[in-house]
Amino acid sequence: MFGRLAARDRAVVVAQLGRAPHPIHRVVARCPWGRPAVVENLPYDAAGRPFPTLYWATCPSLVAAISALESEGGVRRLESLAAGDAALAASLREAVAHERRRRRDLARRHGLHGRDEGAALGKGIGGVADPRRLKCLHAHAAHALARPRYVLGAAILAAAGPLWAQRACCMEDCER
């Protein structure tokens, strides 16, 4: 169950993750080297298991940059920043609303039904229950790369520093 994902892109994502991915609909952002960097996931697999993370960062370089930010207390720092800034809070609300709409649309268009009776479709970014909270900066960074007008996501990307390998693709067999 892999939407519009080309076989070559699927193979790259498998190599990036080191495992079979959750059901993917499409690649929504690429690294400077042309490889998938962010994929859009389907909200359920064929067995009805929910996967509430709509946008998933797959590029190892991007994942490493965001992981470093998280390990430095980035979740708490950026959540506090968003809580105290009306524009950032508004961008978070809009991003959450977009993800809810998009997951519902993908489930409807692909005839997907979840064991959870649709509960995952109403979750926030990264499956968080309280949409004002940040849980996974990777999911917010992925959303920002998929939808560049996400202001809080842009702040997360900026706080992470360089996102991509500087001289060549971070994957050994990368072709430009």
Protein backbone atom coordinates (compact mmCIF):
# COMPACT_ATOMS: atom_id res chain seq x y z
CA MET A 1 0.00 0.00 0.00
CA PHE A 2 2.18 2.79 -1.24
CA GLY A 3 0.08 5.47 -2.97
CA ARG A 4 2.04 7.23 -5.68
CA LEU A 5 5.48 6.27 -4.38
CA ALA A 6 7.87 5.24 -7.17
CA ALA A 7 9.73 1.97 -6.65
CA ARG A 8 13.09 3.79 -6.65
CA ASP A 9 11.92 6.26 -3.98
CA ARG A 10 10.54 3.40 -1.89
CA ALA A 11 13.91 1.63 -2.09
CA VAL A 12 15.70 4.81 -0.97
CA VAL A 13 13.30 5.29 1.95
CA VAL A 14 13.83 1.67 3.03
CA ALA A 15 17.60 2.27 2.94
CA GLN A 16 17.26 5.57 4.83
CA LEU A 17 15.13 4.04 7.59
CA GLY A 18 16.82 0.66 7.66
CA ARG A 19 13.40 -1.02 7.63
CA ALA A 20 10.19 -1.16 5.68
CA PRO A 21 8.32 2.11 6.10
CA HIS A 22 4.76 2.64 7.21
CA PRO A 23 2.34 2.92 4.28
CA ILE A 24 3.47 5.95 2.29
CA HIS A 25 1.38 8.04 -0.05
CA ARG A 26 4.11 10.17 -1.66
CA VAL A 27 7.39 12.05 -1.30
CA VAL A 28 6.65 15.66 -0.33
CA ALA A 29 10.17 17.06 0.06
CA ARG A 30 13.61 16.14 -1.24
CA CYS A 31 17.11 16.88 -0.02
CA PRO A 32 19.44 19.03 -2.14
CA TRP A 33 20.77 15.77 -3.63
CA GLY A 34 17.35 14.76 -4.99
CA ARG A 35 16.64 11.97 -2.51
CA PRO A 36 13.42 11.73 -0.49
CA ALA A 37 13.69 13.81 2.68
CA VAL A 38 10.05 13.83 3.84
CA VAL A 39 7.23 11.46 2.97
CA GLU A 40 3.50 11.75 3.46
CA ASN A 41 2.14 8.69 5.24
CA LEU A 42 -1.25 7.10 4.89
CA PRO A 43 -3.16 7.24 8.21
CA TYR A 44 -3.78 3.48 8.38
CA ASP A 45 -2.17 0.37 7.01
CA ALA A 46 -4.12 -2.39 5.25
CA ALA A 47 -4.84 -4.07 8.61
CA GLY A 48 -6.32 -0.86 10.05
CA ARG A 49 -3.42 -0.06 12.36
CA PRO A 50 -3.25 3.73 12.82
CA PHE A 51 -0.21 5.81 12.00
CA PRO A 52 -1.00 9.39 13.07
CA THR A 53 2.23 10.99 11.81
CA LEU A 54 1.32 12.52 8.46
CA TYR A 55 4.74 13.85 7.44
CA TRP A 56 7.80 11.75 8.26
CA ALA A 57 11.44 12.84 7.96
CA THR A 58 13.45 10.10 6.22
CA CYS A 59 16.76 11.77 5.26
CA PRO A 60 19.46 10.65 7.74
CA SER A 61 21.12 14.08 7.74
CA LEU A 62 17.83 15.86 8.46
CA VAL A 63 16.90 13.35 11.16
CA ALA A 64 20.31 13.79 12.83
CA ALA A 65 20.02 17.59 12.86
CA ILE A 66 16.56 17.48 14.45
CA SER A 67 17.64 14.76 16.91
CA ALA A 68 20.49 16.98 18.10
CA LEU A 69 18.04 19.84 18.65
CA GLU A 70 15.72 17.56 20.63
CA SER A 71 18.58 16.24 22.77
CA GLU A 72 19.49 19.82 23.68
CA GLY A 73 16.03 20.45 25.16
CA GLY A 74 14.53 21.75 21.94
CA VAL A 75 11.03 20.37 22.52
CA ARG A 76 10.56 22.21 25.80
CA ARG A 77 12.25 25.38 24.52
CA LEU A 78 10.21 25.58 21.30
CA GLU A 79 6.96 24.64 23.02
CA SER A 80 7.53 27.50 25.47
CA LEU A 81 8.37 29.83 22.58
CA ALA A 82 5.13 28.88 20.78
CA ALA A 83 3.05 29.32 23.94
CA GLY A 84 4.35 32.87 24.38
CA ASP A 85 4.10 34.03 20.76
CA ALA A 86 0.68 34.54 19.16
CA ALA A 87 1.96 34.11 15.59
CA LEU A 88 3.76 30.85 16.39
CA ALA A 89 0.74 29.54 18.31
CA ALA A 90 -1.53 30.42 15.38
CA SER A 91 0.78 28.65 12.93
CA LEU A 92 0.73 25.55 15.15
CA ARG A 93 -3.08 25.59 15.25
CA GLU A 94 -3.25 25.88 11.45
CA ALA A 95 -0.69 23.09 10.97
CA VAL A 96 -2.64 20.79 13.29
CA ALA A 97 -5.89 21.61 11.46
CA HIS A 98 -4.21 20.89 8.12
CA GLU A 99 -2.90 17.52 9.31
CA ARG A 100 -6.31 16.49 10.62
CA ARG A 101 -8.00 17.45 7.34
CA ARG A 102 -5.32 15.76 5.25
CA ARG A 103 -5.38 12.48 7.23
CA ARG A 104 -9.18 12.35 6.94
CA ASP A 105 -8.97 13.07 3.22
CA LEU A 106 -6.34 10.35 2.65
CA ALA A 107 -8.37 7.82 4.63
CA ARG A 108 -11.50 8.64 2.63
CA ARG A 109 -9.78 8.66 -0.78
CA HIS A 110 -7.97 5.39 -0.13
CA GLY A 111 -10.91 3.67 1.58
CA LEU A 112 -8.90 3.19 4.77
CA HIS A 113 -10.59 2.38 8.07
CA GLY A 114 -8.81 2.08 11.37
CA ARG A 115 -9.15 -0.28 14.26
CA ASP A 116 -9.32 2.85 16.38
CA GLU A 117 -12.62 3.91 14.75
CA GLY A 118 -10.98 7.09 13.42
CA ALA A 119 -9.47 8.35 16.68
CA ALA A 120 -6.01 8.83 15.12
CA LEU A 121 -7.47 11.13 12.48
CA GLY A 122 -8.16 13.77 15.14
CA LYS A 123 -4.70 13.80 16.69
CA GLY A 124 -2.22 16.65 16.41
CA ILE A 125 1.18 16.64 14.72
CA GLY A 126 3.06 13.44 15.47
CA GLY A 127 -0.05 11.95 17.07
CA VAL A 128 0.00 14.26 20.08
CA ALA A 129 -3.29 14.38 21.99
CA ASP A 130 -3.08 18.07 23.02
CA PRO A 131 -2.55 20.07 19.82
CA ARG A 132 -0.86 22.91 21.74
CA ARG A 133 1.93 20.57 22.81
CA LEU A 134 5.05 19.57 20.92
CA LYS A 135 6.12 15.95 21.17
CA CYS A 136 8.33 15.23 18.19
CA LEU A 137 10.26 18.01 16.50
CA HIS A 138 10.94 15.62 13.61
CA ALA A 139 7.23 15.66 12.73
CA HIS A 140 7.12 19.47 12.93
CA ALA A 141 10.26 19.83 10.82
CA ALA A 142 8.81 17.40 8.27
CA HIS A 143 5.59 19.42 8.20
CA ALA A 144 7.59 22.61 7.62
CA LEU A 145 9.43 21.06 4.68
CA ALA A 146 6.17 19.74 3.22
CA ARG A 147 4.35 23.04 3.82
CA PRO A 148 6.89 25.89 3.94
CA ARG A 149 4.47 28.50 5.33
CA TYR A 150 4.43 26.75 8.72
CA VAL A 151 6.05 29.49 10.81
CA LEU A 152 6.72 27.42 13.95
CA GLY A 153 8.18 24.67 11.76
CA ALA A 154 10.46 27.20 10.09
CA ALA A 155 11.68 28.25 13.55
CA ILE A 156 12.39 24.60 14.36
CA LEU A 157 14.34 24.15 11.12
CA ALA A 158 16.34 27.32 11.82
CA ALA A 159 17.10 26.22 15.39
CA ALA A 160 18.40 22.87 14.10
CA GLY A 161 21.16 24.52 12.07
CA PRO A 162 22.45 22.87 8.88
CA LEU A 163 19.97 20.19 7.83
CA TRP A 164 21.77 18.54 4.96
CA ALA A 165 25.14 16.94 4.36
CA GLN A 166 27.32 19.78 3.13
CA ARG A 167 29.45 18.32 0.36
CA ALA A 168 27.58 15.24 -0.83
CA CYS A 169 24.50 13.20 -0.14
CA CYS A 170 24.58 11.45 3.23
CA MET A 171 23.82 8.14 1.53
CA GLU A 172 26.74 6.27 -0.02
CA ASP A 173 25.23 5.46 -3.39
CA CYS A 174 23.58 8.81 -3.99
CA GLU A 175 23.25 9.95 -7.57
CA ARG A 176 22.56 13.54 -8.33
